[in-house]
Amino acid sequence: MSWLLVALGGAAGACLRYSVDRAVQSRHESVLPRGTLTVNAAGSLLLGLVTGAVEAGAAGPGAAALLGTGLCGALTTYSTFSYETLRLAERGHGRAALVNAAVTPPVALGAVWAGLELTRYLSG
């Protein structure tokens, strides 16, 4: 049954990733892939919240499969981050590639940490 929850969450996460990425990118004229940064930060925050809720006993393994593995797994995208960073460098935007490579990992790590700590704080 967990595989079905992962599949459903993954389908929703992939659609959400595409929609958010396009919406963010259409609003900003920049070579930086802000849409990918946005989904990686949001998905990492959500994963921290879900993990904290499971850790606190407020959510079970079904929520972890649906939201953590499925939704967050498809919403966040290390492969797209890597590809877009490489393409920036190849297209002569070396500084933007370095900024993207330097900013994305700490933002994602900070977001997952913030979500986890917030649920730990709220659960007492």
Protein backbone atom coordinates (compact mmCIF):
# COMPACT_ATOMS: atom_id res chain seq x y z
CA MET A 1 0.00 0.00 0.00
CA SER A 2 2.91 2.38 0.65
CA TRP A 3 3.91 2.26 -3.01
CA LEU A 4 0.49 3.68 -3.93
CA LEU A 5 0.90 6.56 -1.47
CA VAL A 6 4.36 7.28 -2.86
CA ALA A 7 3.00 7.20 -6.42
CA LEU A 8 0.12 9.55 -5.60
CA GLY A 9 2.38 11.95 -3.74
CA GLY A 10 4.93 11.78 -6.53
CA ALA A 11 2.35 12.60 -9.18
CA ALA A 12 1.16 15.60 -7.19
CA GLY A 13 4.73 16.71 -6.45
CA ALA A 14 5.80 16.55 -10.08
CA CYS A 15 2.82 18.60 -11.21
CA LEU A 16 3.37 21.09 -8.40
CA ARG A 17 7.06 21.38 -9.22
CA TYR A 18 6.34 22.13 -12.85
CA SER A 19 3.63 24.67 -12.02
CA VAL A 20 5.63 26.51 -9.36
CA ASP A 21 8.78 26.55 -11.46
CA ARG A 22 6.98 28.02 -14.46
CA ALA A 23 5.12 30.58 -12.33
CA VAL A 24 8.27 31.80 -10.59
CA GLN A 25 10.39 31.87 -13.73
CA SER A 26 7.74 33.81 -15.66
CA ARG A 27 7.81 36.57 -13.04
CA HIS A 28 11.57 37.09 -12.97
CA GLU A 29 13.91 38.08 -15.75
CA SER A 30 17.07 36.43 -14.54
CA VAL A 31 19.40 33.73 -15.73
CA LEU A 32 19.26 32.23 -12.25
CA PRO A 33 16.83 29.30 -12.00
CA ARG A 34 14.71 30.81 -9.22
CA GLY A 35 11.87 28.38 -9.83
CA THR A 36 14.08 25.40 -9.04
CA LEU A 37 15.45 27.13 -5.94
CA THR A 38 11.88 27.86 -4.82
CA VAL A 39 10.67 24.26 -5.17
CA ASN A 40 13.82 22.90 -3.52
CA ALA A 41 13.44 25.25 -0.55
CA ALA A 42 9.68 24.66 -0.21
CA GLY A 43 10.01 20.89 -0.58
CA SER A 44 12.84 20.77 1.94
CA LEU A 45 10.81 22.79 4.44
CA LEU A 46 7.83 20.49 3.95
CA LEU A 47 10.04 17.43 4.36
CA GLY A 48 11.33 18.81 7.64
CA LEU A 49 7.77 19.43 8.82
CA VAL A 50 6.63 15.94 7.81
CA THR A 51 9.67 14.30 9.38
CA GLY A 52 9.14 16.24 12.58
CA ALA A 53 5.47 15.28 12.67
CA VAL A 54 6.32 11.60 12.22
CA GLU A 55 9.06 11.86 14.84
CA ALA A 56 6.57 13.42 17.29
CA GLY A 57 3.95 10.77 16.60
CA ALA A 58 1.56 13.30 15.06
CA ALA A 59 1.78 11.57 11.67
CA GLY A 60 2.34 8.00 10.68
CA PRO A 61 4.20 6.07 8.03
CA GLY A 62 1.42 6.70 5.51
CA ALA A 63 1.97 10.45 5.76
CA ALA A 64 5.72 9.92 5.44
CA ALA A 65 5.21 7.86 2.27
CA LEU A 66 2.64 10.21 0.70
CA LEU A 67 4.12 13.56 1.66
CA GLY A 68 7.77 12.86 2.44
CA THR A 69 8.87 10.32 -0.12
CA GLY A 70 6.20 10.97 -2.76
CA LEU A 71 5.36 14.67 -2.76
CA CYS A 72 8.69 16.05 -1.52
CA GLY A 73 10.70 13.56 -3.55
CA ALA A 74 9.06 14.71 -6.76
CA LEU A 75 8.77 18.38 -5.78
CA THR A 76 12.46 18.81 -5.02
CA THR A 77 14.96 18.18 -7.73
CA TYR A 78 18.68 17.79 -7.35
CA SER A 79 19.05 16.65 -10.94
CA THR A 80 17.44 19.81 -12.35
CA PHE A 81 19.54 21.96 -10.01
CA SER A 82 22.68 20.20 -11.31
CA TYR A 83 21.62 20.46 -14.96
CA GLU A 84 20.67 24.14 -14.73
CA THR A 85 23.94 24.99 -12.98
CA LEU A 86 25.93 23.20 -15.68
CA ARG A 87 23.93 24.92 -18.45
CA LEU A 88 24.57 28.33 -16.88
CA ALA A 89 28.31 27.67 -16.94
CA GLU A 90 28.21 26.33 -20.51
CA ARG A 91 26.31 29.40 -21.71
CA GLY A 92 28.89 31.80 -20.30
CA HIS A 93 27.10 32.64 -17.05
CA GLY A 94 29.86 31.35 -14.78
CA ARG A 95 29.09 33.79 -11.98
CA ALA A 96 25.41 32.81 -11.98
CA ALA A 97 26.40 29.13 -11.97
CA LEU A 98 28.61 29.70 -8.93
CA VAL A 99 25.88 31.65 -7.15
CA ASN A 100 23.35 28.90 -7.86
CA ALA A 101 25.77 26.19 -6.67
CA ALA A 102 26.64 28.17 -3.54
CA VAL A 103 23.10 29.20 -2.58
CA THR A 104 20.93 26.14 -3.25
CA PRO A 105 22.45 23.54 -0.87
CA PRO A 106 22.50 25.77 2.24
CA VAL A 107 19.00 27.08 1.48
CA ALA A 108 17.64 23.54 1.14
CA LEU A 109 19.49 22.30 4.22
CA GLY A 110 18.37 25.32 6.21
CA ALA A 111 14.78 24.80 5.13
CA VAL A 112 14.66 21.13 6.14
CA TRP A 113 16.30 22.00 9.45
CA ALA A 114 13.81 24.84 10.06
CA GLY A 115 10.83 22.58 9.34
CA LEU A 116 12.14 19.85 11.61
CA GLU A 117 12.94 22.25 14.43
CA LEU A 118 9.58 23.98 14.10
CA THR A 119 7.68 20.70 14.52
CA ARG A 120 9.93 19.71 17.41
CA TYR A 121 9.21 23.05 19.08
CA LEU A 122 5.47 22.85 18.47
CA SER A 123 5.23 19.27 19.70
CA GLY A 124 6.84 20.20 22.98
